[in-house]
Amino acid sequence: MIAYALAFGFAALGVALALNLWRLFKGPGVADRILALDTMVINVIGIIVLIGIGSGSGTSFEAALLLAMVGFVGTVSYAKYLLRGDIIE
């Protein structure tokens, strides 16, 4: 049963990533593109977690945690650049 759940999870996240790529390239504004990148990071974290569940290794969860931190900092940086035009104060 876990194999079917993993396959469904990979398929759902694959479709979500494809739709995020579409929004990234066809987004009407810069804010939509930033949100698409943030959502893509969340989807990749989900894929890494699914890989960790499938393989049974704990290092995948640490990699997902690191990617979550980097993704958060990146989203904040993009938003700050969009609002102010400069990242460093």
C-alpha atoms as a PDB file:
ATOM      1  CA  MET A   1       0.000   0.000   0.000  1.00  0.00           C
ATOM      2  CA  ILE A   2       2.848   2.394   0.733  1.00  0.00           C
ATOM      3  CA  ALA A   3       4.161   1.906  -2.806  1.00  0.00           C
ATOM      4  CA  TYR A   4       0.846   3.079  -4.251  1.00  0.00           C
ATOM      5  CA  ALA A   5       0.783   6.077  -1.930  1.00  0.00           C
ATOM      6  CA  LEU A   6       4.335   7.025  -2.904  1.00  0.00           C
ATOM      7  CA  ALA A   7       3.526   6.686  -6.605  1.00  0.00           C
ATOM      8  CA  PHE A   8       0.428   8.855  -6.183  1.00  0.00           C
ATOM      9  CA  GLY A   9       2.447  11.420  -4.213  1.00  0.00           C
ATOM     10  CA  PHE A  10       5.165  11.588  -6.873  1.00  0.00           C
ATOM     11  CA  ALA A  11       2.547  11.968  -9.618  1.00  0.00           C
ATOM     12  CA  ALA A  12       0.686  14.705  -7.751  1.00  0.00           C
ATOM     13  CA  LEU A  13       3.865  16.639  -6.996  1.00  0.00           C
ATOM     14  CA  GLY A  14       5.030  16.210 -10.590  1.00  0.00           C
ATOM     15  CA  VAL A  15       1.792  17.752 -11.867  1.00  0.00           C
ATOM     16  CA  ALA A  16       2.118  20.546  -9.304  1.00  0.00           C
ATOM     17  CA  LEU A  17       5.674  21.278 -10.439  1.00  0.00           C
ATOM     18  CA  ALA A  18       4.571  21.384 -14.077  1.00  0.00           C
ATOM     19  CA  LEU A  19       1.804  23.847 -13.233  1.00  0.00           C
ATOM     20  CA  ASN A  20       4.265  25.949 -11.223  1.00  0.00           C
ATOM     21  CA  LEU A  21       6.640  26.071 -14.179  1.00  0.00           C
ATOM     22  CA  TRP A  22       3.775  27.259 -16.334  1.00  0.00           C
ATOM     23  CA  ARG A  23       2.970  30.013 -13.825  1.00  0.00           C
ATOM     24  CA  LEU A  24       6.659  30.919 -13.617  1.00  0.00           C
ATOM     25  CA  PHE A  25       6.946  31.491 -17.355  1.00  0.00           C
ATOM     26  CA  LYS A  26       3.461  32.888 -18.074  1.00  0.00           C
ATOM     27  CA  GLY A  27       2.854  34.777 -14.839  1.00  0.00           C
ATOM     28  CA  PRO A  28       1.294  38.175 -15.393  1.00  0.00           C
ATOM     29  CA  GLY A  29       3.454  39.863 -12.778  1.00  0.00           C
ATOM     30  CA  VAL A  30       6.670  39.576 -10.847  1.00  0.00           C
ATOM     31  CA  ALA A  31       4.829  38.756  -7.632  1.00  0.00           C
ATOM     32  CA  ASP A  32       3.195  35.758  -9.319  1.00  0.00           C
ATOM     33  CA  ARG A  33       6.604  34.518 -10.406  1.00  0.00           C
ATOM     34  CA  ILE A  34       7.979  34.859  -6.884  1.00  0.00           C
ATOM     35  CA  LEU A  35       5.046  32.888  -5.510  1.00  0.00           C
ATOM     36  CA  ALA A  36       5.575  30.226  -8.188  1.00  0.00           C
ATOM     37  CA  LEU A  37       9.223  29.857  -7.134  1.00  0.00           C
ATOM     38  CA  ASP A  38       8.228  29.585  -3.488  1.00  0.00           C
ATOM     39  CA  THR A  39       5.631  26.955  -4.292  1.00  0.00           C
ATOM     40  CA  MET A  40       8.172  25.053  -6.382  1.00  0.00           C
ATOM     41  CA  VAL A  41      10.506  24.940  -3.392  1.00  0.00           C
ATOM     42  CA  ILE A  42       7.680  23.511  -1.284  1.00  0.00           C
ATOM     43  CA  ASN A  43       6.943  20.877  -3.933  1.00  0.00           C
ATOM     44  CA  VAL A  44      10.606  19.882  -4.173  1.00  0.00           C
ATOM     45  CA  ILE A  45      10.682  19.545  -0.390  1.00  0.00           C
ATOM     46  CA  GLY A  46       7.720  17.190  -0.701  1.00  0.00           C
ATOM     47  CA  ILE A  47       9.541  15.138  -3.334  1.00  0.00           C
ATOM     48  CA  ILE A  48      12.631  14.894  -1.136  1.00  0.00           C
ATOM     49  CA  VAL A  49      10.488  13.741   1.782  1.00  0.00           C
ATOM     50  CA  LEU A  50       8.829  11.112  -0.420  1.00  0.00           C
ATOM     51  CA  ILE A  51      12.254   9.886  -1.516  1.00  0.00           C
ATOM     52  CA  GLY A  52      13.245   9.657   2.147  1.00  0.00           C
ATOM     53  CA  ILE A  53      10.129   7.657   2.968  1.00  0.00           C
ATOM     54  CA  GLY A  54      10.739   5.334   0.041  1.00  0.00           C
ATOM     55  CA  SER A  55      14.398   4.720   0.812  1.00  0.00           C
ATOM     56  CA  GLY A  56      14.112   4.798   4.592  1.00  0.00           C
ATOM     57  CA  SER A  57      17.080   7.132   5.041  1.00  0.00           C
ATOM     58  CA  GLY A  58      17.111  10.019   7.479  1.00  0.00           C
ATOM     59  CA  THR A  59      19.445  12.251   5.495  1.00  0.00           C
ATOM     60  CA  SER A  60      16.681  13.124   3.048  1.00  0.00           C
ATOM     61  CA  PHE A  61      14.718  14.795   5.816  1.00  0.00           C
ATOM     62  CA  GLU A  62      17.738  16.892   6.777  1.00  0.00           C
ATOM     63  CA  ALA A  63      18.144  17.930   3.147  1.00  0.00           C
ATOM     64  CA  ALA A  64      14.470  18.905   3.043  1.00  0.00           C
ATOM     65  CA  LEU A  65      14.920  21.022   6.164  1.00  0.00           C
ATOM     66  CA  LEU A  66      17.932  22.809   4.671  1.00  0.00           C
ATOM     67  CA  LEU A  67      16.061  23.458   1.434  1.00  0.00           C
ATOM     68  CA  ALA A  68      13.145  24.881   3.417  1.00  0.00           C
ATOM     69  CA  MET A  69      15.445  27.350   5.155  1.00  0.00           C
ATOM     70  CA  VAL A  70      17.142  28.392   1.919  1.00  0.00           C
ATOM     71  CA  GLY A  71      13.788  28.719   0.166  1.00  0.00           C
ATOM     72  CA  PHE A  72      12.439  30.956   2.918  1.00  0.00           C
ATOM     73  CA  VAL A  73      15.466  33.244   2.769  1.00  0.00           C
ATOM     74  CA  GLY A  74      15.212  33.371  -1.016  1.00  0.00           C
ATOM     75  CA  THR A  75      11.537  34.290  -0.944  1.00  0.00           C
ATOM     76  CA  VAL A  76      12.130  37.030   1.606  1.00  0.00           C
ATOM     77  CA  SER A  77      15.013  38.377  -0.494  1.00  0.00           C
ATOM     78  CA  TYR A  78      12.915  38.426  -3.673  1.00  0.00           C
ATOM     79  CA  ALA A  79      10.053  40.157  -1.888  1.00  0.00           C
ATOM     80  CA  LYS A  80      12.370  42.735  -0.336  1.00  0.00           C
ATOM     81  CA  TYR A  81      13.955  43.426  -3.710  1.00  0.00           C
ATOM     82  CA  LEU A  82      10.533  43.783  -5.276  1.00  0.00           C
ATOM     83  CA  LEU A  83       9.380  46.281  -2.648  1.00  0.00           C
ATOM     84  CA  ARG A  84      12.541  48.334  -2.165  1.00  0.00           C
ATOM     85  CA  GLY A  85      14.751  47.674  -5.164  1.00  0.00           C
ATOM     86  CA  ASP A  86      17.670  46.788  -2.907  1.00  0.00           C
ATOM     87  CA  ILE A  87      18.316  43.810  -0.665  1.00  0.00           C
ATOM     88  CA  ILE A  88      21.066  45.143   1.573  1.00  0.00           C
ATOM     89  CA  GLU A  89      20.191  48.108   3.746  1.00  0.00           C
END
